[in-house]
C-alpha atoms as a PDB file:
ATOM      1  CA  MET A   1     -14.881  28.822  26.659  1.00  0.00           C
ATOM      2  CA  SER A   2     -11.218  27.912  26.185  1.00  0.00           C
ATOM      3  CA  MET A   3     -11.037  26.570  29.774  1.00  0.00           C
ATOM      4  CA  TRP A   4     -14.096  24.337  29.216  1.00  0.00           C
ATOM      5  CA  TRP A   5     -12.558  23.019  26.001  1.00  0.00           C
ATOM      6  CA  PHE A   6      -9.336  22.205  27.828  1.00  0.00           C
ATOM      7  CA  ILE A   7     -11.178  20.390  30.639  1.00  0.00           C
ATOM      8  CA  THR A   8     -13.327  18.403  28.168  1.00  0.00           C
ATOM      9  CA  THR A   9     -10.301  17.364  26.115  1.00  0.00           C
ATOM     10  CA  LEU A  10      -8.423  16.339  29.260  1.00  0.00           C
ATOM     11  CA  ALA A  11     -11.368  14.258  30.494  1.00  0.00           C
ATOM     12  CA  ILE A  12     -11.742  12.405  27.157  1.00  0.00           C
ATOM     13  CA  THR A  13      -8.004  11.696  27.004  1.00  0.00           C
ATOM     14  CA  ALA A  14      -7.984  10.382  30.575  1.00  0.00           C
ATOM     15  CA  PHE A  15     -10.964   8.116  29.849  1.00  0.00           C
ATOM     16  CA  PHE A  16      -9.381   6.410  26.845  1.00  0.00           C
ATOM     17  CA  SER A  17      -5.932   6.164  28.415  1.00  0.00           C
ATOM     18  CA  ASN A  18      -7.429   4.187  31.299  1.00  0.00           C
ATOM     19  CA  TYR A  19      -8.909   1.583  28.946  1.00  0.00           C
ATOM     20  CA  PRO A  20      -6.134   0.634  26.501  1.00  0.00           C
ATOM     21  CA  VAL A  21      -7.298  -2.968  26.273  1.00  0.00           C
ATOM     22  CA  TYR A  22     -10.278  -1.962  24.179  1.00  0.00           C
ATOM     23  CA  ALA A  23      -8.031  -0.571  21.455  1.00  0.00           C
ATOM     24  CA  TYR A  24      -7.112  -3.948  19.932  1.00  0.00           C
ATOM     25  CA  ASP A  25      -8.403  -7.477  19.416  1.00  0.00           C
ATOM     26  CA  ASN A  26      -7.447 -10.342  21.695  1.00  0.00           C
ATOM     27  CA  ASN A  27      -4.675 -12.630  20.497  1.00  0.00           C
ATOM     28  CA  PRO A  28      -6.091 -15.581  18.517  1.00  0.00           C
ATOM     29  CA  LEU A  29      -6.148 -19.035  20.081  1.00  0.00           C
ATOM     30  CA  GLN A  30      -6.684 -20.840  16.748  1.00  0.00           C
ATOM     31  CA  ASP A  31      -5.017 -20.741  13.353  1.00  0.00           C
ATOM     32  CA  ILE A  32      -8.158 -19.446  11.608  1.00  0.00           C
ATOM     33  CA  CYS A  33     -11.621 -18.296  12.759  1.00  0.00           C
ATOM     34  CA  VAL A  34     -13.824 -17.581   9.742  1.00  0.00           C
ATOM     35  CA  ALA A  35     -16.893 -15.469  10.552  1.00  0.00           C
ATOM     36  CA  VAL A  36     -20.350 -16.713   9.501  1.00  0.00           C
ATOM     37  CA  ASN A  37     -23.582 -14.729   9.209  1.00  0.00           C
ATOM     38  CA  ASP A  38     -25.817 -17.830   9.267  1.00  0.00           C
ATOM     39  CA  SER A  39     -27.587 -17.928  12.634  1.00  0.00           C
ATOM     40  CA  GLU A  40     -28.159 -21.665  12.145  1.00  0.00           C
ATOM     41  CA  ALA A  41     -24.468 -22.430  11.761  1.00  0.00           C
ATOM     42  CA  ALA A  42     -22.597 -24.276  14.502  1.00  0.00           C
ATOM     43  CA  VAL A  43     -20.839 -22.072  17.038  1.00  0.00           C
ATOM     44  CA  PHE A  44     -17.038 -22.288  17.127  1.00  0.00           C
ATOM     45  CA  VAL A  45     -15.424 -19.785  19.463  1.00  0.00           C
ATOM     46  CA  ASN A  46     -11.882 -18.409  19.430  1.00  0.00           C
ATOM     47  CA  GLY A  47     -10.565 -21.006  21.846  1.00  0.00           C
ATOM     48  CA  LYS A  48     -12.624 -23.550  23.787  1.00  0.00           C
ATOM     49  CA  ILE A  49     -16.095 -23.378  25.292  1.00  0.00           C
ATOM     50  CA  CYS A  50     -15.909 -23.609  29.087  1.00  0.00           C
ATOM     51  CA  LYS A  51     -17.336 -26.514  31.029  1.00  0.00           C
ATOM     52  CA  ASP A  52     -19.718 -25.694  33.869  1.00  0.00           C
ATOM     53  CA  PRO A  53     -17.340 -25.443  36.892  1.00  0.00           C
ATOM     54  CA  LYS A  54     -19.519 -27.724  38.987  1.00  0.00           C
ATOM     55  CA  PHE A  55     -18.759 -30.598  36.610  1.00  0.00           C
ATOM     56  CA  ALA A  56     -14.955 -30.064  36.684  1.00  0.00           C
ATOM     57  CA  THR A  57     -12.785 -32.771  38.234  1.00  0.00           C
ATOM     58  CA  ALA A  58      -9.118 -33.107  39.205  1.00  0.00           C
ATOM     59  CA  ASN A  59      -8.514 -35.119  36.027  1.00  0.00           C
ATOM     60  CA  ASP A  60      -9.272 -32.001  33.972  1.00  0.00           C
ATOM     61  CA  PHE A  61      -6.061 -30.528  35.412  1.00  0.00           C
ATOM     62  CA  PHE A  62      -3.917 -33.666  35.090  1.00  0.00           C
ATOM     63  CA  ALA A  63      -1.802 -35.357  32.409  1.00  0.00           C
ATOM     64  CA  SER A  64       0.949 -37.959  32.486  1.00  0.00           C
ATOM     65  CA  GLY A  65       3.550 -39.451  30.200  1.00  0.00           C
ATOM     66  CA  LEU A  66       6.270 -36.820  29.878  1.00  0.00           C
ATOM     67  CA  ASN A  67       8.677 -39.282  31.497  1.00  0.00           C
ATOM     68  CA  VAL A  68       8.791 -41.185  28.196  1.00  0.00           C
ATOM     69  CA  SER A  69       9.373 -40.013  24.644  1.00  0.00           C
ATOM     70  CA  GLY A  70       6.584 -39.441  22.168  1.00  0.00           C
ATOM     71  CA  ILE A  71       5.982 -41.200  18.874  1.00  0.00           C
ATOM     72  CA  ALA A  72       8.646 -40.356  16.309  1.00  0.00           C
ATOM     73  CA  ALA A  73       7.612 -39.096  12.906  1.00  0.00           C
ATOM     74  CA  PRO A  74       8.987 -41.267  10.047  1.00  0.00           C
ATOM     75  CA  GLY A  75      12.472 -40.076   9.094  1.00  0.00           C
ATOM     76  CA  ALA A  76      12.420 -37.259  11.639  1.00  0.00           C
ATOM     77  CA  GLY A  77      15.186 -38.556  13.908  1.00  0.00           C
ATOM     78  CA  GLY A  78      13.310 -37.435  16.984  1.00  0.00           C
ATOM     79  CA  ALA A  79      10.016 -37.400  18.814  1.00  0.00           C
ATOM     80  CA  ALA A  80       7.839 -34.829  20.508  1.00  0.00           C
ATOM     81  CA  LYS A  81       5.020 -34.997  23.034  1.00  0.00           C
ATOM     82  CA  PHE A  82       2.929 -31.995  24.071  1.00  0.00           C
ATOM     83  CA  VAL A  83       0.498 -31.277  26.891  1.00  0.00           C
ATOM     84  CA  ASP A  84      -1.815 -28.486  25.779  1.00  0.00           C
ATOM     85  CA  VAL A  85      -5.483 -27.590  26.036  1.00  0.00           C
ATOM     86  CA  ASN A  86      -6.375 -30.411  23.632  1.00  0.00           C
ATOM     87  CA  ASN A  87      -5.297 -33.131  26.065  1.00  0.00           C
ATOM     88  CA  MET A  88      -5.467 -31.252  29.388  1.00  0.00           C
ATOM     89  CA  PRO A  89      -8.738 -29.290  29.315  1.00  0.00           C
ATOM     90  CA  GLY A  90      -7.960 -27.520  32.590  1.00  0.00           C
ATOM     91  CA  LEU A  91      -5.357 -25.438  30.709  1.00  0.00           C
ATOM     92  CA  ASN A  92      -8.134 -23.549  28.929  1.00  0.00           C
ATOM     93  CA  THR A  93      -7.660 -19.750  29.448  1.00  0.00           C
ATOM     94  CA  LEU A  94      -4.530 -20.285  31.594  1.00  0.00           C
ATOM     95  CA  GLY A  95      -2.073 -19.379  28.827  1.00  0.00           C
ATOM     96  CA  ILE A  96       0.423 -22.176  29.444  1.00  0.00           C
ATOM     97  CA  SER A  97       1.431 -25.578  28.026  1.00  0.00           C
ATOM     98  CA  ILE A  98       4.453 -27.871  28.022  1.00  0.00           C
ATOM     99  CA  GLY A  99       6.146 -30.434  25.822  1.00  0.00           C
ATOM    100  CA  ARG A 100       9.010 -32.906  25.620  1.00  0.00           C
ATOM    101  CA  VAL A 101      11.410 -33.205  22.681  1.00  0.00           C
ATOM    102  CA  ASP A 102      13.712 -36.217  22.145  1.00  0.00           C
ATOM    103  CA  LEU A 103      16.329 -35.761  19.439  1.00  0.00           C
ATOM    104  CA  GLU A 104      18.754 -38.370  18.094  1.00  0.00           C
ATOM    105  CA  PRO A 105      22.445 -37.470  17.497  1.00  0.00           C
ATOM    106  CA  GLN A 106      23.069 -35.125  14.537  1.00  0.00           C
ATOM    107  CA  ARG A 107      19.357 -34.709  13.944  1.00  0.00           C
ATOM    108  CA  LEU A 108      17.416 -31.482  13.648  1.00  0.00           C
ATOM    109  CA  VAL A 109      14.171 -29.984  14.871  1.00  0.00           C
ATOM    110  CA  PRO A 110      13.591 -28.078  11.602  1.00  0.00           C
ATOM    111  CA  PHE A 111      13.126 -24.350  11.186  1.00  0.00           C
ATOM    112  CA  HIS A 112       9.723 -23.529  12.629  1.00  0.00           C
ATOM    113  CA  THR A 113       7.691 -20.940  14.501  1.00  0.00           C
ATOM    114  CA  HIS A 114       5.043 -20.894  17.216  1.00  0.00           C
ATOM    115  CA  PRO A 115       2.680 -18.116  16.094  1.00  0.00           C
ATOM    116  CA  ARG A 116       0.973 -17.766  19.459  1.00  0.00           C
ATOM    117  CA  ALA A 117       3.699 -18.397  22.037  1.00  0.00           C
ATOM    118  CA  THR A 118       7.172 -17.792  23.373  1.00  0.00           C
ATOM    119  CA  GLU A 119       9.016 -21.066  24.033  1.00  0.00           C
ATOM    120  CA  LEU A 120      11.335 -21.687  26.995  1.00  0.00           C
ATOM    121  CA  ILE A 121      13.392 -24.888  26.816  1.00  0.00           C
ATOM    122  CA  THR A 122      15.319 -26.673  29.565  1.00  0.00           C
ATOM    123  CA  VAL A 123      17.859 -29.310  28.541  1.00  0.00           C
ATOM    124  CA  LEU A 124      17.636 -32.533  30.549  1.00  0.00           C
ATOM    125  CA  GLU A 125      20.080 -34.711  28.626  1.00  0.00           C
ATOM    126  CA  GLY A 126      22.564 -34.295  25.793  1.00  0.00           C
ATOM    127  CA  VAL A 127      24.075 -31.302  24.005  1.00  0.00           C
ATOM    128  CA  ILE A 128      21.925 -29.126  21.729  1.00  0.00           C
ATOM    129  CA  TYR A 129      22.788 -26.279  19.381  1.00  0.00           C
ATOM    130  CA  VAL A 130      19.828 -23.878  19.300  1.00  0.00           C
ATOM    131  CA  GLY A 131      19.103 -20.560  17.694  1.00  0.00           C
ATOM    132  CA  PHE A 132      16.497 -18.074  16.514  1.00  0.00           C
ATOM    133  CA  LEU A 133      16.462 -15.405  13.810  1.00  0.00           C
ATOM    134  CA  VAL A 134      15.545 -11.742  14.273  1.00  0.00           C
ATOM    135  CA  PRO A 135      14.869  -9.585  11.192  1.00  0.00           C
ATOM    136  CA  ASP A 136      17.438  -6.847  10.660  1.00  0.00           C
ATOM    137  CA  PRO A 137      15.569  -3.523  11.016  1.00  0.00           C
ATOM    138  CA  ALA A 138      18.129  -1.819   8.791  1.00  0.00           C
ATOM    139  CA  ASN A 139      17.808  -4.406   5.996  1.00  0.00           C
ATOM    140  CA  PHE A 140      14.785  -6.691   5.946  1.00  0.00           C
ATOM    141  CA  PHE A 141      16.548  -8.986   3.434  1.00  0.00           C
ATOM    142  CA  LYS A 142      18.853 -10.072   6.258  1.00  0.00           C
ATOM    143  CA  SER A 143      18.522 -11.380   9.812  1.00  0.00           C
ATOM    144  CA  ARG A 144      20.535 -11.693  12.989  1.00  0.00           C
ATOM    145  CA  LEU A 145      21.173 -15.122  14.491  1.00  0.00           C
ATOM    146  CA  PHE A 146      21.069 -15.646  18.260  1.00  0.00           C
ATOM    147  CA  SER A 147      22.531 -19.098  18.962  1.00  0.00           C
ATOM    148  CA  LYS A 148      23.960 -21.111  21.822  1.00  0.00           C
ATOM    149  CA  ILE A 149      25.190 -24.628  22.614  1.00  0.00           C
ATOM    150  CA  LEU A 150      23.213 -25.950  25.578  1.00  0.00           C
ATOM    151  CA  TYR A 151      24.086 -28.602  28.140  1.00  0.00           C
ATOM    152  CA  PRO A 152      21.967 -30.350  30.815  1.00  0.00           C
ATOM    153  CA  GLY A 153      20.455 -27.764  33.128  1.00  0.00           C
ATOM    154  CA  ASP A 154      20.743 -24.923  30.589  1.00  0.00           C
ATOM    155  CA  VAL A 155      17.705 -22.820  29.700  1.00  0.00           C
ATOM    156  CA  PHE A 156      17.065 -20.880  26.483  1.00  0.00           C
ATOM    157  CA  VAL A 157      14.103 -18.859  25.198  1.00  0.00           C
ATOM    158  CA  PHE A 158      12.708 -18.455  21.665  1.00  0.00           C
ATOM    159  CA  PRO A 159      10.672 -15.223  21.385  1.00  0.00           C
ATOM    160  CA  ILE A 160       7.117 -15.479  20.080  1.00  0.00           C
ATOM    161  CA  GLY A 161       6.682 -15.908  16.346  1.00  0.00           C
ATOM    162  CA  LEU A 162      10.391 -16.006  15.442  1.00  0.00           C
ATOM    163  CA  ILE A 163      11.949 -18.759  13.318  1.00  0.00           C
ATOM    164  CA  HIS A 164      14.070 -21.116  15.427  1.00  0.00           C
ATOM    165  CA  PHE A 165      15.677 -24.579  15.456  1.00  0.00           C
ATOM    166  CA  GLN A 166      17.327 -27.243  17.609  1.00  0.00           C
ATOM    167  CA  TYR A 167      20.194 -29.511  16.506  1.00  0.00           C
ATOM    168  CA  ASN A 168      21.689 -32.360  18.520  1.00  0.00           C
ATOM    169  CA  VAL A 169      25.472 -31.881  18.275  1.00  0.00           C
ATOM    170  CA  GLY A 170      26.241 -34.639  20.784  1.00  0.00           C
ATOM    171  CA  ASN A 171      26.800 -38.385  20.379  1.00  0.00           C
ATOM    172  CA  LYS A 172      23.752 -39.493  22.353  1.00  0.00           C
ATOM    173  CA  LYS A 173      20.066 -38.690  22.463  1.00  0.00           C
ATOM    174  CA  ALA A 174      19.162 -35.213  23.708  1.00  0.00           C
ATOM    175  CA  ILE A 175      16.038 -34.467  25.733  1.00  0.00           C
ATOM    176  CA  ASN A 176      14.508 -31.132  26.654  1.00  0.00           C
ATOM    177  CA  LEU A 177      11.304 -29.804  28.141  1.00  0.00           C
ATOM    178  CA  ALA A 178       9.614 -26.915  26.358  1.00  0.00           C
ATOM    179  CA  ALA A 179       7.248 -24.531  28.160  1.00  0.00           C
ATOM    180  CA  PHE A 180       4.923 -22.191  26.227  1.00  0.00           C
ATOM    181  CA  ASN A 181       2.943 -19.132  27.322  1.00  0.00           C
ATOM    182  CA  SER A 182      -0.097 -20.303  25.387  1.00  0.00           C
ATOM    183  CA  GLN A 183      -2.583 -23.097  25.878  1.00  0.00           C
ATOM    184  CA  ASN A 184      -2.300 -23.808  22.127  1.00  0.00           C
ATOM    185  CA  PRO A 185       0.983 -22.363  20.793  1.00  0.00           C
ATOM    186  CA  GLY A 186       0.735 -23.622  17.215  1.00  0.00           C
ATOM    187  CA  PHE A 187       3.530 -25.170  15.167  1.00  0.00           C
ATOM    188  CA  VAL A 188       4.532 -24.028  11.681  1.00  0.00           C
ATOM    189  CA  ILE A 189       7.346 -26.045  10.043  1.00  0.00           C
ATOM    190  CA  ILE A 190       8.799 -23.652   7.471  1.00  0.00           C
ATOM    191  CA  PRO A 191      10.092 -26.069   4.752  1.00  0.00           C
ATOM    192  CA  ASN A 192       7.015 -28.315   4.798  1.00  0.00           C
ATOM    193  CA  SER A 193       4.623 -25.380   4.866  1.00  0.00           C
ATOM    194  CA  ILE A 194       6.224 -23.949   1.730  1.00  0.00           C
ATOM    195  CA  PHE A 195       7.033 -27.035  -0.351  1.00  0.00           C
ATOM    196  CA  ALA A 196       4.196 -29.341   0.729  1.00  0.00           C
ATOM    197  CA  SER A 197       1.258 -26.919   0.733  1.00  0.00           C
ATOM    198  CA  ASN A 198      -2.165 -28.018  -0.508  1.00  0.00           C
ATOM    199  CA  PRO A 199      -2.837 -26.830  -3.136  1.00  0.00           C
ATOM    200  CA  PRO A 200       0.817 -26.349  -4.113  1.00  0.00           C
ATOM    201  CA  ILE A 201       2.366 -22.928  -4.642  1.00  0.00           C
ATOM    202  CA  MET A 202       3.136 -22.235  -8.318  1.00  0.00           C
ATOM    203  CA  ASP A 203       6.599 -23.381  -9.399  1.00  0.00           C
ATOM    204  CA  ASP A 204       7.350 -19.939 -10.848  1.00  0.00           C
ATOM    205  CA  VAL A 205       6.702 -18.322  -7.466  1.00  0.00           C
ATOM    206  CA  LEU A 206       8.954 -20.758  -5.596  1.00  0.00           C
ATOM    207  CA  ALA A 207      11.675 -20.645  -8.254  1.00  0.00           C
ATOM    208  CA  GLN A 208      11.854 -16.856  -8.097  1.00  0.00           C
ATOM    209  CA  GLY A 209      11.400 -16.698  -4.328  1.00  0.00           C
ATOM    210  CA  PHE A 210      14.310 -19.054  -3.644  1.00  0.00           C
ATOM    211  CA  GLN A 211      16.314 -18.353  -6.822  1.00  0.00           C
ATOM    212  CA  LEU A 212      16.248 -22.016  -7.815  1.00  0.00           C
ATOM    213  CA  SER A 213      15.381 -23.907 -10.978  1.00  0.00           C
ATOM    214  CA  LYS A 214      12.056 -25.673 -11.406  1.00  0.00           C
ATOM    215  CA  THR A 215      13.936 -28.981 -11.299  1.00  0.00           C
ATOM    216  CA  GLN A 216      15.311 -28.078  -7.873  1.00  0.00           C
ATOM    217  CA  ILE A 217      11.844 -27.001  -6.729  1.00  0.00           C
ATOM    218  CA  ALA A 218      10.434 -30.370  -7.817  1.00  0.00           C
ATOM    219  CA  GLU A 219      13.151 -32.137  -5.818  1.00  0.00           C
ATOM    220  CA  LEU A 220      12.331 -30.097  -2.719  1.00  0.00           C
ATOM    221  CA  ARG A 221       8.634 -30.932  -3.130  1.00  0.00           C
ATOM    222  CA  ARG A 222       9.507 -34.632  -3.114  1.00  0.00           C
ATOM    223  CA  LYS A 223      11.657 -34.256   0.012  1.00  0.00           C
ATOM    224  CA  PHE A 224       9.129 -32.325   2.099  1.00  0.00           C
ATOM    225  CA  SER A 225       5.794 -33.709   0.888  1.00  0.00           C
END
């Protein structure tokens, strides 16, 4: 009996160890995906619905325009242009996208994260100070900074989900290409997400969280809203 028990246990263990992918959900391809029980509701999948392959064309796998800068956000001091699944449908399910960032001298790409992708940047022009923050496992109230000054031809990687930044330390415009291992990496700007949320976070929460006065919180709301 003990031998049969051993063989059965071994067989069950071998079965599950060969199928580890069934032990967790797939990574999300959208910020939110709220489940509905209404059978009449519109279908919205976690990603994009696939076109019938027989209707695909070469243009589905083509985009242009990375040779010029994108449209700058007011007061941002830079511009960004991205090619992802939303403007190149052929990227769907391929797990890759690319972008271009133009940054004026002494201007910053603010602290942000990409919740669904690692980012690999290659500097084409200018000098950029970059860095990302890793939580300290010994003290989660602190973090470790990994930073570097990059020149044309240099490559740097920001691990998935970690807070990072780019700052142009040169005296001319800096340009870099950013590759992502996601068709839709996401972009969360930390200051704006916190101080310009809708509806707003309670002043008491922000004042305690950042150890600031409510007057200072109000000023930050005005700056980032």
